[in-house]
């Protein structure tokens, strides 16, 4: 059974940084496309960043230059480094894995940016 376990969320002041981690279990990690999504209250879930099996990345325009997605296949873990955080980054962040035309989700981790 596939499990994605996120960690690293919390409360941070504007301008601060956080690093989210997502550990994957029960999946051939190196062959999975990994991504981070987020969902703010009353809004639809949106793609934040994606990393392919070859390490190519794509970031949403709203986070380009501030967030960086990376992966460590030896640790079956994907990361999201978030710098220069803004109040509008406040949301539940979800890890996503896609492999063999199946998608899996983590339980989400809350990120709150507030002074």
C-alpha atoms as a PDB file:
ATOM      1  CA  UNK A   1       0.000   0.000   0.000  1.00  0.00           C
ATOM      2  CA  UNK A   2       1.322   3.395  -0.986  1.00  0.00           C
ATOM      3  CA  UNK A   3       1.792   5.966   1.758  1.00  0.00           C
ATOM      4  CA  UNK A   4       2.993   9.540   1.458  1.00  0.00           C
ATOM      5  CA  UNK A   5       3.896  11.190   4.753  1.00  0.00           C
ATOM      6  CA  UNK A   6       4.410  14.953   4.796  1.00  0.00           C
ATOM      7  CA  UNK A   7       6.194  16.927   7.490  1.00  0.00           C
ATOM      8  CA  UNK A   8       7.710  20.345   8.046  1.00  0.00           C
ATOM      9  CA  UNK A   9       4.683  22.599   8.059  1.00  0.00           C
ATOM     10  CA  UNK A  10       3.993  25.196  10.709  1.00  0.00           C
ATOM     11  CA  UNK A  11       3.612  28.867  11.524  1.00  0.00           C
ATOM     12  CA  UNK A  12       6.151  31.287  10.088  1.00  0.00           C
ATOM     13  CA  UNK A  13       6.393  35.052   9.790  1.00  0.00           C
ATOM     14  CA  UNK A  14       6.280  36.766   6.395  1.00  0.00           C
ATOM     15  CA  UNK A  15       9.690  36.605   4.765  1.00  0.00           C
ATOM     16  CA  UNK A  16      10.575  33.414   6.597  1.00  0.00           C
ATOM     17  CA  UNK A  17      11.412  29.953   5.306  1.00  0.00           C
ATOM     18  CA  UNK A  18      10.185  26.396   5.717  1.00  0.00           C
ATOM     19  CA  UNK A  19      11.190  23.089   4.192  1.00  0.00           C
ATOM     20  CA  UNK A  20       8.513  20.488   3.605  1.00  0.00           C
ATOM     21  CA  UNK A  21       9.389  16.814   3.297  1.00  0.00           C
ATOM     22  CA  UNK A  22       7.380  13.940   1.888  1.00  0.00           C
ATOM     23  CA  UNK A  23       8.517  10.387   2.536  1.00  0.00           C
ATOM     24  CA  UNK A  24       7.086   7.749   0.202  1.00  0.00           C
ATOM     25  CA  UNK A  25       6.439   4.131   1.133  1.00  0.00           C
ATOM     26  CA  UNK A  26       5.244   1.216  -0.959  1.00  0.00           C
ATOM     27  CA  UNK A  27       6.010   2.814  -4.312  1.00  0.00           C
ATOM     28  CA  UNK A  28       8.860   2.501  -6.811  1.00  0.00           C
ATOM     29  CA  UNK A  29       9.889   6.066  -5.957  1.00  0.00           C
ATOM     30  CA  UNK A  30      12.530   6.707  -8.588  1.00  0.00           C
ATOM     31  CA  UNK A  31      10.004   6.022 -11.353  1.00  0.00           C
ATOM     32  CA  UNK A  32       7.293   8.281  -9.901  1.00  0.00           C
ATOM     33  CA  UNK A  33       6.629  11.875 -10.854  1.00  0.00           C
ATOM     34  CA  UNK A  34       6.386  13.797  -7.602  1.00  0.00           C
ATOM     35  CA  UNK A  35       4.601  17.063  -6.942  1.00  0.00           C
ATOM     36  CA  UNK A  36       3.424  19.466  -4.284  1.00  0.00           C
ATOM     37  CA  UNK A  37      -0.057  20.957  -4.348  1.00  0.00           C
ATOM     38  CA  UNK A  38      -1.717  23.379  -1.978  1.00  0.00           C
ATOM     39  CA  UNK A  39      -5.244  24.305  -1.039  1.00  0.00           C
ATOM     40  CA  UNK A  40      -6.264  27.467   0.762  1.00  0.00           C
ATOM     41  CA  UNK A  41      -9.654  27.767   2.493  1.00  0.00           C
ATOM     42  CA  UNK A  42     -12.440  28.234  -0.032  1.00  0.00           C
ATOM     43  CA  UNK A  43     -10.116  27.707  -2.986  1.00  0.00           C
ATOM     44  CA  UNK A  44      -9.364  24.838  -5.323  1.00  0.00           C
ATOM     45  CA  UNK A  45      -6.274  22.706  -4.952  1.00  0.00           C
ATOM     46  CA  UNK A  46      -3.474  24.042  -7.134  1.00  0.00           C
ATOM     47  CA  UNK A  47      -0.151  22.707  -8.373  1.00  0.00           C
ATOM     48  CA  UNK A  48       2.820  24.345  -6.670  1.00  0.00           C
ATOM     49  CA  UNK A  49       5.759  22.405  -8.119  1.00  0.00           C
ATOM     50  CA  UNK A  50       6.539  19.167  -9.914  1.00  0.00           C
ATOM     51  CA  UNK A  51       9.667  17.088 -10.434  1.00  0.00           C
ATOM     52  CA  UNK A  52      10.006  14.360 -13.026  1.00  0.00           C
ATOM     53  CA  UNK A  53      11.868  11.076 -12.785  1.00  0.00           C
ATOM     54  CA  UNK A  54      14.828  12.685 -14.550  1.00  0.00           C
ATOM     55  CA  UNK A  55      14.883  15.623 -12.158  1.00  0.00           C
ATOM     56  CA  UNK A  56      13.313  18.248 -14.388  1.00  0.00           C
ATOM     57  CA  UNK A  57      11.213  20.715 -12.434  1.00  0.00           C
ATOM     58  CA  UNK A  58       8.280  23.013 -12.997  1.00  0.00           C
ATOM     59  CA  UNK A  59       7.114  25.672 -10.551  1.00  0.00           C
ATOM     60  CA  UNK A  60       3.947  27.714 -10.516  1.00  0.00           C
ATOM     61  CA  UNK A  61       4.444  31.339 -11.498  1.00  0.00           C
ATOM     62  CA  UNK A  62       3.301  32.452  -8.046  1.00  0.00           C
ATOM     63  CA  UNK A  63       6.240  30.675  -6.369  1.00  0.00           C
ATOM     64  CA  UNK A  64       9.003  30.902  -8.977  1.00  0.00           C
ATOM     65  CA  UNK A  65      12.212  32.232  -7.483  1.00  0.00           C
ATOM     66  CA  UNK A  66      10.974  31.533  -3.936  1.00  0.00           C
ATOM     67  CA  UNK A  67      10.183  27.799  -3.793  1.00  0.00           C
ATOM     68  CA  UNK A  68      12.329  24.901  -4.964  1.00  0.00           C
ATOM     69  CA  UNK A  69      11.276  21.277  -5.348  1.00  0.00           C
ATOM     70  CA  UNK A  70      13.887  18.531  -5.127  1.00  0.00           C
ATOM     71  CA  UNK A  71      14.037  14.788  -4.617  1.00  0.00           C
ATOM     72  CA  UNK A  72      16.356  12.246  -3.044  1.00  0.00           C
ATOM     73  CA  UNK A  73      15.723   8.859  -4.593  1.00  0.00           C
ATOM     74  CA  UNK A  74      18.003   7.143  -2.083  1.00  0.00           C
ATOM     75  CA  UNK A  75      15.708   8.353   0.712  1.00  0.00           C
ATOM     76  CA  UNK A  76      12.420   8.034  -1.197  1.00  0.00           C
ATOM     77  CA  UNK A  77      11.766  11.645  -0.256  1.00  0.00           C
ATOM     78  CA  UNK A  78      10.705  14.799  -2.064  1.00  0.00           C
ATOM     79  CA  UNK A  79      11.255  18.251  -0.607  1.00  0.00           C
ATOM     80  CA  UNK A  80       9.834  21.726  -1.045  1.00  0.00           C
ATOM     81  CA  UNK A  81      12.111  24.533   0.112  1.00  0.00           C
ATOM     82  CA  UNK A  82      10.015  27.637   0.643  1.00  0.00           C
ATOM     83  CA  UNK A  83      11.723  31.005   1.054  1.00  0.00           C
ATOM     84  CA  UNK A  84      10.417  34.568   1.239  1.00  0.00           C
ATOM     85  CA  UNK A  85       7.050  33.276   2.385  1.00  0.00           C
ATOM     86  CA  UNK A  86       4.009  35.507   2.010  1.00  0.00           C
ATOM     87  CA  UNK A  87       0.638  35.440   3.770  1.00  0.00           C
ATOM     88  CA  UNK A  88      -0.939  34.274   0.509  1.00  0.00           C
ATOM     89  CA  UNK A  89       1.166  31.105   0.722  1.00  0.00           C
ATOM     90  CA  UNK A  90      -0.972  30.023   3.679  1.00  0.00           C
ATOM     91  CA  UNK A  91      -2.588  26.695   2.780  1.00  0.00           C
ATOM     92  CA  UNK A  92      -2.570  22.974   3.375  1.00  0.00           C
ATOM     93  CA  UNK A  93       0.256  21.519   1.296  1.00  0.00           C
ATOM     94  CA  UNK A  94      -0.174  18.050  -0.185  1.00  0.00           C
ATOM     95  CA  UNK A  95       2.387  15.670  -1.590  1.00  0.00           C
ATOM     96  CA  UNK A  96       1.407  13.827  -4.761  1.00  0.00           C
ATOM     97  CA  UNK A  97       2.934  10.838  -6.538  1.00  0.00           C
ATOM     98  CA  UNK A  98       2.033   9.644 -10.010  1.00  0.00           C
ATOM     99  CA  UNK A  99       3.197   6.350 -11.437  1.00  0.00           C
ATOM    100  CA  UNK A 100       1.738   3.878 -13.916  1.00  0.00           C
ATOM    101  CA  UNK A 101      -1.264   6.165 -14.450  1.00  0.00           C
ATOM    102  CA  UNK A 102      -2.171   6.096 -10.764  1.00  0.00           C
ATOM    103  CA  UNK A 103      -2.041   9.027  -8.378  1.00  0.00           C
ATOM    104  CA  UNK A 104      -1.518   9.032  -4.661  1.00  0.00           C
ATOM    105  CA  UNK A 105      -1.926  11.777  -2.059  1.00  0.00           C
ATOM    106  CA  UNK A 106      -0.509  12.500   1.351  1.00  0.00           C
ATOM    107  CA  UNK A 107      -2.613  13.694   4.263  1.00  0.00           C
ATOM    108  CA  UNK A 108      -1.418  17.285   3.980  1.00  0.00           C
ATOM    109  CA  UNK A 109       0.547  19.628   6.200  1.00  0.00           C
ATOM    110  CA  UNK A 110      -0.580  23.103   7.247  1.00  0.00           C
ATOM    111  CA  UNK A 111       1.573  26.105   6.403  1.00  0.00           C
ATOM    112  CA  UNK A 112       0.529  29.411   7.960  1.00  0.00           C
ATOM    113  CA  UNK A 113       2.331  32.639   7.142  1.00  0.00           C
ATOM    114  CA  UNK A 114       1.380  35.358   9.593  1.00  0.00           C
ATOM    115  CA  UNK A 115       2.902  37.982  11.827  1.00  0.00           C
END
